[in-house]
Amino acid sequence: MNLRLRRLREALRTSLWAVPTLATAVAALLAVALLAIDRRVADLDGTQFGFSGGPGAASDLLGTIATSVLSVAGVVFSITMLVLQQASRQLSPRVMRTFLRDWPSQLTLGAFISTFAYAMIVLSQVRTVDELAFAPGLATWGALALTAVSVGMFVMFIHHVATSLQPTTVIGRVGRETAAALDPPYPGGIGDDADPDAAPPDGPPDRTLDWDGRAGTLTAIDGQGLLEWAASHDAVVVLRLQVGHYVTTGTPLLDVWCDDHDAIEAIDLDALVGTGRERTMVDDPVFGFRQLVDIAVRALSPGVNDPTTAVQVLDELHDRLRQLATVEIPSACRTDDGVLRLVLPRPEWDDYLALAVDEIRHHAERASHVLHRLGAMLADLDTVVPEHRGELLAEERRLVVSTVDRVFADRHDRQLVLRPIAGFVAEGDG
């Protein structure tokens, strides 16, 4: 997908205005259509589709609906802002993006705003003067139907808010997004894997392109676009940074080996490289791990002191690491027709494992059941990872043992905490 379209899609998914705007447009079209039917039928035989209240009753009813739904829309918006604030304070500021992408909140806000717009459009066409009297019966029934839908959405929204701030709900939502970002692992789908010994040309590049846009986080790369450009110009392109890294104006970004210097000058970096104020999970599943670890670290802080939430995070991290354990992460070197064209740095298995374990272990020094769960996760992963990925697992187990030996003076306590990895300790990990 074109990088600009990907940016637009992500911006729309995390906005609170896109769905309400679309719903309002649909409601306006519906109002115009039903009013046209009302006028046509009224011209023929004066039928009002069973609405017997007359123009005055229609005007009062529509005015009441408009006033009420706008007031409730304000309540929905206020509750949404409080949820965002609470999530930022209790869990992590990084999870706010997940709440902004929350469909129930967007749909509820859209239902009330669109009902308000519909009622106002229909109300503007009601005529109470005798010779021009017009009560749009079908359109008025439509307003009542939309109000009923909005009330149902509001009840659903209240239930959703009551459950959305539960740590398990947030952790599960971030975990599902991370799982989707890991399937397939980046940069899979961009060209083909190169041979293990593939490397860029020797010597300095013909040109190093600096980032000339605004400073920000590297959020997405149009790898396919870069690969196609390199193949069409018999070039090799190496990205210096990974998705998720911060770039400043003037940061060296691309090394290019190409004899066509005019083609290099014509590269539109803004169309191939996306930056933003914060990270997203587009080509950046590491950000999902980052969010989960942040939730665990916040839970283990003295001010919150909620180790059970940290254990729930480890459950989700365990699932994600198992998802990656036997997957062959695509090579950073991408080829086209067997020729190396592009190098896209990406995280390795060791990067994911270290991020998932190290900070939590450090902050969980006196949380015995967190260390116990950490040991159980490492022991289970050892049963599924290929042999060449076992070195860091052994080192992480050793660090858990070292932490437990340093913190827990009683031998019985140490044995309880280390029970999941007791066999490894006996074999010499400790």
Protein backbone atom coordinates (compact mmCIF):
# COMPACT_ATOMS: atom_id res chain seq x y z
CA MET A 1 0.00 0.00 0.00
CA ASN A 2 1.23 3.52 -0.80
CA LEU A 3 2.91 5.07 2.23
CA ARG A 4 0.73 8.19 2.13
CA LEU A 5 -2.40 6.02 2.09
CA ARG A 6 -1.05 4.05 5.06
CA ARG A 7 -0.47 7.29 6.95
CA LEU A 8 -3.99 8.49 6.12
CA ARG A 9 -5.53 5.18 7.19
CA GLU A 10 -3.67 5.25 10.51
CA ALA A 11 -4.64 8.88 11.11
CA LEU A 12 -8.30 8.10 10.46
CA ARG A 13 -8.25 5.04 12.71
CA THR A 14 -6.90 7.07 15.63
CA SER A 15 -9.12 10.12 15.22
CA LEU A 16 -12.27 10.91 17.19
CA TRP A 17 -13.77 12.90 14.29
CA ALA A 18 -13.63 10.53 11.29
CA VAL A 19 -16.48 8.18 12.26
CA PRO A 20 -18.78 11.00 13.56
CA THR A 21 -18.16 12.97 10.37
CA LEU A 22 -19.03 10.00 8.17
CA ALA A 23 -22.11 9.19 10.29
CA THR A 24 -23.29 12.80 10.08
CA ALA A 25 -22.95 12.81 6.30
CA VAL A 26 -25.00 9.59 6.06
CA ALA A 27 -27.64 11.00 8.42
CA ALA A 28 -27.90 14.19 6.34
CA LEU A 29 -28.43 12.18 3.15
CA LEU A 30 -31.04 10.06 4.91
CA ALA A 31 -32.87 13.18 6.12
CA VAL A 32 -32.93 14.67 2.62
CA ALA A 33 -34.21 11.40 1.14
CA LEU A 34 -37.00 10.92 3.69
CA LEU A 35 -38.05 14.56 3.42
CA ALA A 36 -38.31 14.16 -0.36
CA ILE A 37 -40.57 11.14 0.12
CA ASP A 38 -42.68 13.04 2.66
CA ARG A 39 -43.16 15.96 0.26
CA ARG A 40 -43.99 13.68 -2.65
CA VAL A 41 -46.58 11.70 -0.68
CA ALA A 42 -48.03 14.85 0.91
CA ASP A 43 -48.53 16.36 -2.54
CA LEU A 44 -50.43 13.26 -3.66
CA ASP A 45 -52.80 12.50 -0.79
CA GLY A 46 -51.63 14.28 2.38
CA THR A 47 -50.59 11.04 4.10
CA GLN A 48 -48.25 11.52 7.08
CA PHE A 49 -47.23 7.85 7.54
CA GLY A 50 -49.22 7.43 10.72
CA PHE A 51 -47.86 10.57 12.42
CA SER A 52 -50.98 12.36 13.65
CA GLY A 53 -49.46 15.06 15.84
CA GLY A 54 -49.27 17.71 13.16
CA PRO A 55 -46.53 20.27 12.49
CA GLY A 56 -46.48 21.62 16.06
CA ALA A 57 -45.97 18.20 17.63
CA ALA A 58 -43.31 17.31 15.05
CA SER A 59 -41.47 20.55 15.76
CA ASP A 60 -41.54 19.98 19.54
CA LEU A 61 -40.48 16.36 19.22
CA LEU A 62 -37.59 17.09 16.86
CA GLY A 63 -36.41 20.00 19.02
CA THR A 64 -36.43 17.80 22.12
CA ILE A 65 -34.49 15.07 20.33
CA ALA A 66 -31.88 17.52 19.05
CA THR A 67 -31.35 19.10 22.46
CA SER A 68 -31.19 15.77 24.30
CA VAL A 69 -28.81 13.93 21.99
CA LEU A 70 -26.41 16.89 21.83
CA SER A 71 -26.28 16.96 25.63
CA VAL A 72 -25.61 13.23 25.80
CA ALA A 73 -22.95 13.55 23.07
CA GLY A 74 -21.16 15.98 25.39
CA VAL A 75 -21.37 13.42 28.18
CA VAL A 76 -19.96 10.70 25.90
CA PHE A 77 -17.07 12.96 24.88
CA SER A 78 -16.35 13.86 28.52
CA ILE A 79 -16.34 10.20 29.55
CA THR A 80 -14.00 9.38 26.67
CA MET A 81 -11.56 12.07 27.78
CA LEU A 82 -11.67 10.80 31.37
CA VAL A 83 -10.98 7.25 30.17
CA LEU A 84 -7.95 8.47 28.21
CA GLN A 85 -6.65 10.39 31.21
CA GLN A 86 -7.18 7.46 33.56
CA ALA A 87 -5.51 5.01 31.18
CA SER A 88 -2.52 7.31 30.80
CA ARG A 89 -2.14 7.67 34.57
CA GLN A 90 -2.70 4.08 35.67
CA LEU A 91 -1.29 2.07 32.76
CA SER A 92 0.95 3.97 30.35
CA PRO A 93 0.72 7.06 28.13
CA ARG A 94 1.69 4.78 25.24
CA VAL A 95 -1.67 2.95 25.36
CA MET A 96 -3.69 6.11 24.64
CA ARG A 97 -3.39 5.41 20.92
CA THR A 98 -5.15 2.10 21.49
CA PHE A 99 -8.06 3.91 23.17
CA LEU A 100 -8.26 6.45 20.35
CA ARG A 101 -8.72 3.54 17.92
CA ASP A 102 -11.57 2.20 20.04
CA TRP A 103 -14.55 1.60 17.73
CA PRO A 104 -17.33 1.58 20.37
CA SER A 105 -16.40 5.09 21.53
CA GLN A 106 -16.21 6.43 17.98
CA LEU A 107 -19.49 4.79 16.96
CA THR A 108 -21.35 6.06 20.03
CA LEU A 109 -20.14 9.60 19.48
CA GLY A 110 -21.05 9.28 15.79
CA ALA A 111 -24.55 7.99 16.62
CA PHE A 112 -25.44 10.98 18.80
CA ILE A 113 -23.91 13.66 16.59
CA SER A 114 -25.52 12.22 13.46
CA THR A 115 -28.92 12.03 15.20
CA PHE A 116 -28.55 15.68 16.21
CA ALA A 117 -27.70 16.68 12.64
CA TYR A 118 -30.60 14.61 11.26
CA ALA A 119 -33.11 16.16 13.70
CA MET A 120 -31.95 19.70 12.90
CA ILE A 121 -32.24 19.15 9.14
CA VAL A 122 -35.76 17.72 9.44
CA LEU A 123 -36.78 20.42 11.94
CA SER A 124 -35.74 23.11 9.49
CA GLN A 125 -38.35 21.83 7.02
CA VAL A 126 -41.34 21.70 9.39
CA ARG A 127 -43.90 24.40 8.58
CA THR A 128 -46.59 25.42 11.07
CA VAL A 129 -48.30 28.20 9.10
CA ASP A 130 -51.74 26.96 8.11
CA GLU A 131 -51.54 27.49 4.36
CA LEU A 132 -47.96 26.09 4.25
CA ALA A 133 -48.30 23.52 7.04
CA PHE A 134 -45.98 20.55 6.55
CA ALA A 135 -45.27 17.78 9.07
CA PRO A 136 -42.75 15.29 7.62
CA GLY A 137 -44.19 12.12 9.14
CA LEU A 138 -41.72 9.60 7.72
CA ALA A 139 -38.72 11.78 8.54
CA THR A 140 -40.04 12.29 12.10
CA TRP A 141 -40.36 8.54 12.58
CA GLY A 142 -36.78 8.31 11.28
CA ALA A 143 -35.66 10.70 14.03
CA LEU A 144 -37.33 8.51 16.63
CA ALA A 145 -35.63 5.42 15.17
CA LEU A 146 -32.22 7.10 15.26
CA THR A 147 -32.85 8.17 18.84
CA ALA A 148 -33.62 4.57 19.80
CA VAL A 149 -30.37 3.44 18.15
CA SER A 150 -28.45 6.16 19.99
CA VAL A 151 -29.91 5.11 23.35
CA GLY A 152 -28.89 1.52 22.65
CA MET A 153 -25.40 2.67 21.71
CA PHE A 154 -25.17 4.68 24.92
CA VAL A 155 -26.06 1.65 27.06
CA MET A 156 -23.41 -0.36 25.17
CA PHE A 157 -20.92 2.47 25.66
CA ILE A 158 -21.44 2.56 29.44
CA HIS A 159 -20.80 -1.19 29.62
CA HIS A 160 -17.76 -0.81 27.37
CA VAL A 161 -16.27 1.94 29.52
CA ALA A 162 -16.80 -0.17 32.63
CA THR A 163 -14.69 -2.95 31.13
CA SER A 164 -12.21 -1.06 28.96
CA LEU A 165 -10.09 0.19 31.84
CA GLN A 166 -9.55 -3.26 33.29
CA PRO A 167 -5.86 -4.13 32.87
CA THR A 168 -6.71 -7.47 31.27
CA THR A 169 -8.77 -5.71 28.59
CA VAL A 170 -6.03 -3.21 27.74
CA ILE A 171 -3.28 -5.84 27.83
CA GLY A 172 -5.30 -8.14 25.59
CA ARG A 173 -6.02 -5.36 23.11
CA VAL A 174 -2.36 -4.36 22.85
CA GLY A 175 -1.40 -8.03 22.60
CA ARG A 176 -3.78 -8.63 19.69
CA GLU A 177 -2.43 -5.61 17.81
CA THR A 178 1.12 -6.84 18.43
CA ALA A 179 0.24 -10.34 17.21
CA ALA A 180 -1.18 -8.88 14.00
CA ALA A 181 1.95 -6.75 13.50
CA LEU A 182 4.13 -9.85 13.90
CA ASP A 183 2.32 -11.78 11.17
CA PRO A 184 4.39 -11.89 9.06
CA PRO A 185 7.47 -10.48 10.78
CA TYR A 186 8.87 -7.32 9.22
CA PRO A 187 10.26 -7.03 6.52
CA GLY A 188 8.51 -10.11 5.15
CA GLY A 189 6.67 -9.57 1.87
CA ILE A 190 9.26 -7.09 0.58
CA GLY A 191 11.29 -8.86 -2.11
CA ASP A 192 13.04 -12.10 -1.14
CA ASP A 193 15.52 -13.08 1.56
CA ALA A 194 19.16 -12.75 0.55
CA ASP A 195 21.81 -15.38 1.21
CA PRO A 196 23.13 -15.31 4.80
CA ASP A 197 26.50 -13.96 3.61
CA ALA A 198 24.97 -11.16 1.50
CA ALA A 199 26.33 -7.67 2.21
CA PRO A 200 26.23 -4.20 0.63
CA PRO A 201 29.00 -3.26 -1.79
CA ASP A 202 32.44 -2.57 -0.38
CA GLY A 203 33.56 0.97 0.05
CA PRO A 204 31.65 4.16 0.81
CA PRO A 205 28.24 4.72 -0.79
CA ASP A 206 27.87 6.92 -3.85
CA ARG A 207 25.54 9.13 -1.84
CA THR A 208 24.16 9.34 1.69
CA LEU A 209 20.73 10.96 1.83
CA ASP A 210 19.93 12.98 4.95
CA TRP A 211 16.42 13.33 6.30
CA ASP A 212 15.22 16.80 5.28
CA GLY A 213 11.76 16.71 6.85
CA ARG A 214 10.58 17.51 10.34
CA ALA A 215 12.11 15.64 13.24
CA GLY A 216 10.06 12.75 14.54
CA THR A 217 9.81 9.04 15.05
CA LEU A 218 10.37 6.79 12.06
CA THR A 219 6.92 5.21 11.79
CA ALA A 220 6.87 3.43 8.42
CA ILE A 221 9.01 2.62 5.42
CA ASP A 222 7.77 1.98 1.89
CA GLY A 223 10.14 -0.95 1.52
CA GLN A 224 8.51 -2.17 -1.68
CA GLY A 225 8.87 1.28 -3.21
CA LEU A 226 12.55 1.44 -2.26
CA LEU A 227 13.13 -2.06 -3.62
CA GLU A 228 11.47 -1.23 -6.94
CA TRP A 229 13.47 2.01 -7.25
CA ALA A 230 16.73 0.17 -6.53
CA ALA A 231 15.92 -2.59 -9.03
CA SER A 232 15.00 -0.13 -11.79
CA HIS A 233 18.25 1.82 -11.32
CA ASP A 234 20.59 -1.13 -10.67
CA ALA A 235 21.23 0.24 -7.18
CA VAL A 236 21.64 -0.92 -3.60
CA VAL A 237 19.92 1.02 -0.81
CA VAL A 238 20.69 0.63 2.91
CA LEU A 239 18.44 2.17 5.56
CA ARG A 240 20.56 3.29 8.49
CA LEU A 241 17.81 3.31 11.14
CA GLN A 242 15.05 0.96 12.20
CA VAL A 243 11.37 1.77 12.28
CA GLY A 244 10.71 3.22 15.74
CA HIS A 245 13.96 5.19 15.94
CA TYR A 246 13.93 8.97 16.27
CA VAL A 247 15.23 11.04 13.38
CA THR A 248 16.21 14.67 13.44
CA THR A 249 16.45 17.03 10.51
CA GLY A 250 19.79 16.29 8.83
CA THR A 251 20.12 12.73 10.19
CA PRO A 252 21.86 10.43 7.65
CA LEU A 253 19.10 8.05 6.60
CA LEU A 254 19.87 6.19 3.36
CA ASP A 255 23.14 4.96 1.92
CA VAL A 256 22.84 4.53 -1.85
CA TRP A 257 25.15 2.77 -4.28
CA CYS A 258 24.08 3.84 -7.78
CA ASP A 259 25.84 5.13 -10.87
CA ASP A 260 22.88 7.34 -11.83
CA HIS A 261 23.46 10.37 -9.60
CA ASP A 262 20.55 12.29 -11.13
CA ALA A 263 18.20 9.48 -10.11
CA ILE A 264 19.53 9.62 -6.55
CA GLU A 265 18.88 13.36 -6.39
CA ALA A 266 15.31 12.77 -7.58
CA ILE A 267 14.41 10.38 -4.71
CA ASP A 268 11.40 11.72 -2.80
CA LEU A 269 12.16 10.70 0.78
CA ASP A 270 8.86 12.04 2.05
CA ALA A 271 6.99 9.57 -0.17
CA LEU A 272 9.12 6.63 0.96
CA VAL A 273 9.72 7.33 4.65
CA GLY A 274 7.04 8.17 7.21
CA THR A 275 7.66 10.03 10.45
CA GLY A 276 5.32 11.07 13.23
CA ARG A 277 5.14 12.45 16.74
CA GLU A 278 4.85 8.97 18.22
CA ARG A 279 5.39 5.36 17.30
CA THR A 280 2.73 3.15 15.73
CA MET A 281 2.61 -0.59 15.11
CA VAL A 282 2.84 -0.20 11.34
CA ASP A 283 6.03 -2.21 10.58
CA ASP A 284 6.95 -1.76 14.27
CA PRO A 285 5.78 -4.70 16.45
CA VAL A 286 8.50 -3.78 18.93
CA PHE A 287 6.24 -0.90 19.95
CA GLY A 288 3.67 -3.44 21.08
CA PHE A 289 6.27 -5.05 23.35
CA ARG A 290 7.22 -1.57 24.55
CA GLN A 291 3.65 -0.80 25.58
CA LEU A 292 3.25 -4.09 27.43
CA VAL A 293 6.54 -3.64 29.28
CA ASP A 294 5.60 -0.06 30.20
CA ILE A 295 2.34 -1.32 31.73
CA ALA A 296 4.26 -3.90 33.78
CA VAL A 297 6.86 -1.39 34.94
CA ARG A 298 4.15 1.09 35.94
CA ALA A 299 2.35 -1.69 37.84
CA LEU A 300 5.56 -2.55 39.71
CA SER A 301 6.30 1.05 40.69
CA PRO A 302 5.95 1.91 44.43
CA GLY A 303 3.13 4.33 43.68
CA VAL A 304 0.95 1.66 42.03
CA ASN A 305 2.29 -1.58 43.56
CA ASP A 306 0.16 -3.96 41.47
CA PRO A 307 2.35 -7.00 40.71
CA THR A 308 -0.62 -9.06 39.53
CA THR A 309 -0.96 -6.75 36.52
CA ALA A 310 2.73 -7.33 35.80
CA VAL A 311 2.06 -11.09 35.83
CA GLN A 312 -0.79 -10.57 33.35
CA VAL A 313 1.60 -8.65 31.10
CA LEU A 314 4.07 -11.53 31.29
CA ASP A 315 1.27 -13.89 30.23
CA GLU A 316 0.74 -11.79 27.09
CA LEU A 317 4.47 -11.41 26.43
CA HIS A 318 4.86 -15.16 26.82
CA ASP A 319 2.25 -15.69 24.11
CA ARG A 320 3.90 -13.21 21.76
CA LEU A 321 7.39 -14.69 22.32
CA ARG A 322 6.02 -18.17 21.66
CA GLN A 323 4.54 -16.80 18.45
CA LEU A 324 8.04 -15.68 17.43
CA ALA A 325 10.01 -18.57 18.92
CA THR A 326 9.97 -20.86 15.89
CA VAL A 327 9.43 -18.23 13.21
CA GLU A 328 12.34 -17.49 10.94
CA ILE A 329 12.63 -13.70 11.05
CA PRO A 330 13.13 -12.40 7.50
CA SER A 331 16.59 -11.26 6.53
CA ALA A 332 17.35 -7.56 6.64
CA CYS A 333 18.86 -7.97 3.17
CA ARG A 334 16.15 -8.04 0.46
CA THR A 335 16.71 -9.15 -3.10
CA ASP A 336 14.99 -8.76 -6.46
CA ASP A 337 15.58 -11.57 -8.97
CA GLY A 338 18.35 -12.85 -6.71
CA VAL A 339 20.25 -9.53 -6.63
CA LEU A 340 20.71 -7.65 -3.36
CA ARG A 341 18.83 -4.36 -3.63
CA LEU A 342 17.78 -3.24 -0.17
CA VAL A 343 18.84 -3.55 3.47
CA LEU A 344 16.12 -2.87 6.05
CA PRO A 345 17.34 -3.22 9.65
CA ARG A 346 14.86 -5.07 11.85
CA PRO A 347 14.80 -6.48 15.38
CA GLU A 348 16.09 -9.99 16.00
CA TRP A 349 14.79 -12.62 18.41
CA ASP A 350 17.29 -11.49 21.06
CA ASP A 351 15.97 -7.91 20.83
CA TYR A 352 12.38 -9.02 21.49
CA LEU A 353 13.42 -11.30 24.36
CA ALA A 354 15.62 -8.71 26.06
CA LEU A 355 12.91 -6.05 25.82
CA ALA A 356 10.30 -8.42 27.24
CA VAL A 357 12.41 -9.56 30.20
CA ASP A 358 15.13 -7.17 31.35
CA GLU A 359 13.18 -4.15 32.60
CA ILE A 360 10.50 -6.26 34.26
CA ARG A 361 13.13 -8.33 36.06
CA HIS A 362 14.85 -5.18 37.25
CA HIS A 363 11.65 -3.66 38.67
CA ALA A 364 10.35 -6.93 40.12
CA GLU A 365 13.18 -7.54 42.56
CA ARG A 366 10.86 -7.96 45.55
CA ALA A 367 7.78 -9.23 43.70
CA SER A 368 8.27 -12.96 44.22
CA HIS A 369 5.39 -14.17 42.05
CA VAL A 370 6.47 -11.91 39.17
CA LEU A 371 9.95 -13.46 39.26
CA HIS A 372 8.33 -16.88 39.55
CA ARG A 373 6.22 -16.20 36.44
CA LEU A 374 9.26 -14.83 34.64
CA GLY A 375 11.17 -18.03 35.38
CA ALA A 376 8.23 -20.15 34.18
CA MET A 377 8.10 -18.20 30.91
CA LEU A 378 11.82 -18.64 30.27
CA ALA A 379 11.64 -22.36 31.08
CA ASP A 380 8.74 -22.88 28.68
CA LEU A 381 10.39 -20.90 25.87
CA ASP A 382 13.46 -23.11 26.21
CA THR A 383 11.34 -26.08 25.15
CA VAL A 384 10.31 -24.53 21.82
CA VAL A 385 13.10 -22.24 20.59
CA PRO A 386 15.68 -23.56 18.12
CA GLU A 387 19.10 -24.30 19.57
CA HIS A 388 20.72 -21.20 18.04
CA ARG A 389 18.32 -18.99 20.01
CA GLY A 390 19.00 -20.59 23.39
CA GLU A 391 22.05 -18.57 24.43
CA LEU A 392 20.20 -15.44 25.55
CA LEU A 393 17.52 -17.57 27.24
CA ALA A 394 20.23 -19.20 29.36
CA GLU A 395 21.66 -15.78 30.22
CA GLU A 396 18.23 -14.45 31.21
CA ARG A 397 17.67 -17.46 33.48
CA ARG A 398 21.03 -16.84 35.08
CA LEU A 399 20.09 -13.22 35.74
CA VAL A 400 16.79 -14.28 37.33
CA VAL A 401 18.68 -16.66 39.62
CA SER A 402 21.17 -13.93 40.48
CA THR A 403 18.36 -11.49 41.30
CA VAL A 404 16.60 -14.01 43.54
CA ASP A 405 19.83 -14.95 45.36
CA ARG A 406 20.57 -11.28 46.00
CA VAL A 407 17.10 -10.31 47.25
CA PHE A 408 15.77 -13.35 49.12
CA ALA A 409 17.85 -14.34 52.14
CA ASP A 410 15.76 -17.38 53.07
CA ARG A 411 16.59 -20.57 51.13
CA HIS A 412 12.97 -21.72 51.18
CA ASP A 413 11.84 -18.46 49.55
CA ARG A 414 14.50 -18.82 46.88
CA GLN A 415 13.41 -22.35 46.10
CA LEU A 416 9.77 -21.31 45.75
CA VAL A 417 10.59 -18.47 43.37
CA LEU A 418 13.04 -20.53 41.31
CA ARG A 419 10.91 -23.67 41.11
CA PRO A 420 10.07 -23.23 37.38
CA ILE A 421 13.76 -23.15 36.46
CA ALA A 422 15.04 -25.48 39.22
CA GLY A 423 16.20 -28.03 36.67
CA PHE A 424 18.23 -25.43 34.76
CA VAL A 425 19.82 -24.21 38.00
CA ALA A 426 20.80 -27.76 38.85
CA GLU A 427 22.39 -28.09 35.43
CA GLY A 428 24.53 -25.04 36.01
CA ASP A 429 22.61 -21.99 34.75
CA GLY A 430 22.95 -20.42 38.18
